[in-house]
Amino acid sequence: MYQKDEDMKTNSNKVNYYPYDEDAAGKFRGSHKTSDAAEYLLANKEIISLAKDVLSDQKYTEAENIALQLTGKKKDKDLARERLIDIVQPPPKRPIYYAQYEITFLPRWTRDTLRYLGDYIDMLVKSAVYEKTKDTRIFNSSLGPAITHFQKHWPGNDSLADLLIRYNKFLYRSAKHDFALPSDRKMHRFSSREVVLTAYITMELGNRICDISSVAKAARNDQKILP
């Protein structure tokens, strides 16, 4: 189960093995309810396409069932949130604990969950690049340039890089910077269905990065990656 913010900050004076910006990490970025019941099951076609390309048929169906369950009665919503929190499982403590916390506000609050999930992929991509380059400047870059470096320094992983580019374009970058409502929506930028699909996509892509990069795997496991 998720940790409350106060609990997560008890070890704030210890060494951080992934070089987070302490002024930014762990802050909850929004307080507005950004979804309405009539829009819970809407989803951008690009996000659906990405989910189908990343996930097995079984996992995709499971994700869609959770999204549907979030539209049900209180008991159904509680079970759906519990299942999704189990899917979005630490380590690492940050930013996964924060994503878990935001999941408890589904289906009403959506954007911050996406941003924390994106932070996780951002962390792993940069860690994988650092493994090859030993250049700490990568940790100060945006995800887009980091993916470009990933393509350069991890040849033979073009399929994974393409999925990461799509993830950044349609999910992470939009969650951080895009506040315009889609034409079919009146209440929110992202739906709870999109959050559920993104959670599954994120954990699968994270596993694929860690399968090829020992440093990314170390970062995921809250182990030291810098000298």
Protein backbone atom coordinates (compact mmCIF):
# COMPACT_ATOMS: atom_id res chain seq x y z
CA MET A 1 0.00 0.00 0.00
CA TYR A 2 1.11 3.58 -0.56
CA GLN A 3 3.07 5.64 1.92
CA LYS A 4 1.83 9.08 2.98
CA ASP A 5 4.07 12.02 2.12
CA GLU A 6 5.12 12.56 5.74
CA ASP A 7 6.30 8.96 5.99
CA MET A 8 8.20 9.19 2.72
CA LYS A 9 10.25 12.15 3.92
CA THR A 10 11.57 10.55 7.12
CA ASN A 11 14.76 9.48 5.37
CA SER A 12 15.28 12.76 3.50
CA ASN A 13 18.72 13.34 5.04
CA LYS A 14 20.14 10.08 3.75
CA VAL A 15 22.16 9.73 0.56
CA ASN A 16 20.02 9.70 -2.55
CA TYR A 17 21.37 7.10 -4.89
CA TYR A 18 19.58 8.57 -7.89
CA PRO A 19 20.43 12.28 -8.31
CA TYR A 20 17.02 13.83 -7.78
CA ASP A 21 16.57 17.58 -7.59
CA GLU A 22 15.55 17.79 -3.94
CA ASP A 23 13.65 21.02 -4.56
CA ALA A 24 11.41 19.26 -7.06
CA ALA A 25 11.14 15.60 -6.13
CA GLY A 26 8.15 14.52 -4.15
CA LYS A 27 6.06 17.64 -4.46
CA PHE A 28 2.42 17.13 -5.31
CA ARG A 29 1.84 19.25 -8.37
CA GLY A 30 -1.90 19.73 -8.54
CA SER A 31 -4.97 20.08 -6.34
CA HIS A 32 -7.75 20.24 -8.90
CA LYS A 33 -10.18 17.48 -9.64
CA THR A 34 -9.58 16.95 -13.31
CA SER A 35 -12.05 14.30 -14.38
CA ASP A 36 -15.77 13.86 -14.66
CA ALA A 37 -17.75 10.61 -14.63
CA ALA A 38 -18.94 11.09 -18.20
CA GLU A 39 -15.32 11.14 -19.38
CA TYR A 40 -13.74 8.36 -17.30
CA LEU A 41 -13.52 5.92 -20.22
CA LEU A 42 -12.34 8.27 -22.94
CA ALA A 43 -8.85 7.60 -24.29
CA ASN A 44 -6.65 9.12 -26.94
CA LYS A 45 -6.19 6.72 -29.86
CA GLU A 46 -2.41 7.13 -29.67
CA ILE A 47 -2.39 5.99 -26.04
CA ILE A 48 -4.55 2.98 -26.88
CA SER A 49 -2.25 2.14 -29.78
CA LEU A 50 0.82 2.41 -27.55
CA ALA A 51 -0.79 0.17 -24.94
CA LYS A 52 -1.59 -2.49 -27.53
CA ASP A 53 1.96 -2.35 -28.90
CA VAL A 54 3.60 -2.59 -25.47
CA LEU A 55 1.31 -4.98 -23.58
CA SER A 56 0.35 -8.58 -24.12
CA ASP A 57 -3.30 -9.20 -24.96
CA GLN A 58 -3.82 -10.47 -21.41
CA LYS A 59 -2.30 -7.40 -19.79
CA TYR A 60 -4.17 -5.04 -22.08
CA THR A 61 -7.49 -6.69 -21.25
CA GLU A 62 -6.64 -6.59 -17.54
CA ALA A 63 -5.90 -2.86 -17.75
CA GLU A 64 -9.15 -2.13 -19.57
CA ASN A 65 -11.08 -4.11 -16.98
CA ILE A 66 -9.56 -2.03 -14.17
CA ALA A 67 -10.46 1.16 -16.04
CA LEU A 68 -14.04 -0.07 -16.34
CA GLN A 69 -14.10 -1.09 -12.68
CA LEU A 70 -13.18 2.47 -11.70
CA THR A 71 -16.55 3.59 -13.09
CA GLY A 72 -18.48 1.25 -10.78
CA LYS A 73 -19.68 1.38 -7.20
CA LYS A 74 -17.47 2.39 -4.29
CA LYS A 75 -16.42 -1.19 -3.58
CA ASP A 76 -15.50 -1.69 -7.24
CA LYS A 77 -13.47 1.52 -7.25
CA ASP A 78 -11.63 0.50 -4.09
CA LEU A 79 -10.74 -2.89 -5.55
CA ALA A 80 -9.59 -1.31 -8.81
CA ARG A 81 -7.35 1.17 -7.00
CA GLU A 82 -5.88 -1.59 -4.85
CA ARG A 83 -5.11 -3.67 -7.92
CA LEU A 84 -3.49 -0.74 -9.72
CA ILE A 85 -1.39 0.15 -6.68
CA ASP A 86 -0.21 -3.46 -6.64
CA ILE A 87 0.80 -3.16 -10.31
CA VAL A 88 2.68 0.10 -9.68
CA GLN A 89 4.96 -1.49 -7.13
CA PRO A 90 8.21 -0.10 -5.67
CA PRO A 91 11.15 -0.10 -5.61
CA PRO A 92 12.14 2.60 -6.29
CA LYS A 93 10.59 4.49 -3.40
CA ARG A 94 10.60 7.69 -5.43
CA PRO A 95 8.73 8.36 -7.60
CA ILE A 96 6.69 5.16 -7.31
CA TYR A 97 5.36 5.86 -3.79
CA TYR A 98 4.14 9.21 -5.07
CA ALA A 99 2.41 7.56 -8.02
CA GLN A 100 0.76 5.08 -5.66
CA TYR A 101 -0.49 7.93 -3.50
CA GLU A 102 -2.02 9.71 -6.49
CA ILE A 103 -3.73 6.49 -7.61
CA THR A 104 -5.84 6.66 -4.47
CA PHE A 105 -7.57 9.71 -5.96
CA LEU A 106 -8.64 7.96 -9.15
CA PRO A 107 -10.87 8.28 -11.05
CA ARG A 108 -11.19 11.99 -10.20
CA TRP A 109 -7.56 13.18 -10.15
CA THR A 110 -5.40 12.09 -13.05
CA ARG A 111 -2.54 14.34 -14.18
CA ASP A 112 -0.15 13.89 -11.25
CA THR A 113 -0.27 10.10 -11.49
CA LEU A 114 0.87 10.36 -15.09
CA ARG A 115 3.68 12.73 -14.20
CA TYR A 116 5.08 10.49 -11.47
CA LEU A 117 4.86 7.45 -13.73
CA GLY A 118 6.71 9.45 -16.37
CA ASP A 119 9.34 10.45 -13.81
CA TYR A 120 10.03 6.73 -13.32
CA ILE A 121 10.71 6.17 -17.03
CA ASP A 122 12.74 9.39 -17.12
CA MET A 123 14.90 8.06 -14.29
CA LEU A 124 15.53 4.70 -15.95
CA VAL A 125 16.34 6.09 -19.40
CA LYS A 126 18.86 8.54 -17.96
CA SER A 127 20.41 5.83 -15.79
CA ALA A 128 20.83 3.62 -18.86
CA VAL A 129 22.52 6.46 -20.74
CA TYR A 130 24.78 7.18 -17.77
CA GLU A 131 25.88 3.54 -17.78
CA LYS A 132 27.34 4.04 -21.25
CA THR A 133 28.62 7.61 -20.98
CA LYS A 134 29.45 8.24 -17.31
CA ASP A 135 28.33 11.80 -18.00
CA THR A 136 26.23 13.13 -15.12
CA ARG A 137 24.91 15.98 -17.27
CA ILE A 138 22.33 13.53 -18.62
CA PHE A 139 20.44 13.84 -15.34
CA ASN A 140 19.76 17.51 -16.07
CA SER A 141 18.31 16.91 -19.52
CA SER A 142 14.70 16.45 -20.55
CA LEU A 143 13.42 12.99 -21.41
CA GLY A 144 13.34 13.67 -25.16
CA PRO A 145 17.08 14.37 -25.48
CA ALA A 146 17.78 11.52 -23.05
CA ILE A 147 15.95 9.12 -25.39
CA THR A 148 18.08 10.42 -28.28
CA HIS A 149 21.19 9.57 -26.28
CA PHE A 150 19.65 6.19 -25.43
CA GLN A 151 19.24 5.46 -29.14
CA LYS A 152 22.87 6.42 -29.79
CA HIS A 153 24.47 4.51 -26.94
CA TRP A 154 22.21 1.45 -26.89
CA PRO A 155 22.19 0.36 -30.55
CA GLY A 156 20.05 -2.65 -31.35
CA ASN A 157 17.17 -1.41 -29.21
CA ASP A 158 15.37 0.64 -31.84
CA SER A 159 11.98 -0.88 -31.05
CA LEU A 160 12.27 0.06 -27.38
CA ALA A 161 13.51 3.55 -28.26
CA ASP A 162 10.53 4.05 -30.59
CA LEU A 163 8.12 3.09 -27.82
CA LEU A 164 9.88 5.51 -25.45
CA ILE A 165 9.59 8.32 -28.00
CA ARG A 166 5.85 7.70 -28.28
CA TYR A 167 5.55 7.48 -24.49
CA ASN A 168 7.22 10.85 -24.09
CA LYS A 169 5.24 12.50 -26.88
CA PHE A 170 1.75 11.34 -25.94
CA LEU A 171 2.05 10.89 -22.17
CA TYR A 172 4.92 12.38 -20.18
CA ARG A 173 5.46 15.59 -22.11
CA SER A 174 1.71 16.18 -22.34
CA ALA A 175 1.22 15.55 -18.62
CA LYS A 176 3.89 18.15 -17.82
CA HIS A 177 3.12 20.84 -20.37
CA ASP A 178 -0.20 20.37 -22.19
CA PHE A 179 -3.15 22.02 -20.47
CA ALA A 180 -5.43 22.31 -23.49
CA LEU A 181 -8.53 20.15 -23.39
CA PRO A 182 -9.09 17.69 -26.25
CA SER A 183 -12.05 18.56 -28.43
CA ASP A 184 -14.16 15.72 -27.02
CA ARG A 185 -13.64 16.71 -23.36
CA LYS A 186 -15.00 19.43 -21.14
CA MET A 187 -13.59 18.62 -17.71
CA HIS A 188 -10.08 17.19 -17.96
CA ARG A 189 -6.97 16.62 -20.04
CA PHE A 190 -6.52 12.97 -19.07
CA SER A 191 -9.06 10.30 -18.19
CA SER A 192 -8.76 7.60 -15.56
CA ARG A 193 -8.70 5.03 -18.36
CA GLU A 194 -5.61 6.72 -19.79
CA VAL A 195 -3.98 6.64 -16.35
CA VAL A 196 -4.63 2.91 -15.98
CA LEU A 197 -3.25 2.14 -19.44
CA THR A 198 -0.23 4.33 -18.73
CA ALA A 199 0.46 2.52 -15.45
CA TYR A 200 0.66 -0.80 -17.25
CA ILE A 201 2.71 0.66 -20.10
CA THR A 202 5.11 2.32 -17.66
CA MET A 203 5.86 -0.77 -15.63
CA GLU A 204 6.40 -2.87 -18.76
CA LEU A 205 8.72 -0.34 -20.39
CA GLY A 206 10.58 0.03 -17.10
CA ASN A 207 11.16 -3.72 -17.01
CA ARG A 208 12.49 -3.69 -20.56
CA ILE A 209 14.97 -0.92 -19.78
CA CYS A 210 16.16 -2.72 -16.67
CA ASP A 211 16.57 -5.96 -18.62
CA ILE A 212 19.31 -4.38 -20.71
CA SER A 213 20.83 -1.86 -18.29
CA SER A 214 22.40 -2.84 -14.97
CA VAL A 215 22.59 0.80 -13.86
CA ALA A 216 18.90 1.38 -14.59
CA LYS A 217 18.15 -1.76 -12.61
CA ALA A 218 20.26 -0.46 -9.72
CA ALA A 219 18.39 2.87 -9.79
CA ARG A 220 15.09 1.01 -9.78
CA ASN A 221 16.25 -0.98 -6.75
CA ASP A 222 17.35 2.18 -4.86
CA GLN A 223 21.01 1.20 -5.12
CA LYS A 224 23.92 3.56 -5.56
CA ILE A 225 24.67 4.44 -9.20
CA LEU A 226 27.06 7.39 -8.86
CA PRO A 227 30.69 7.19 -7.68
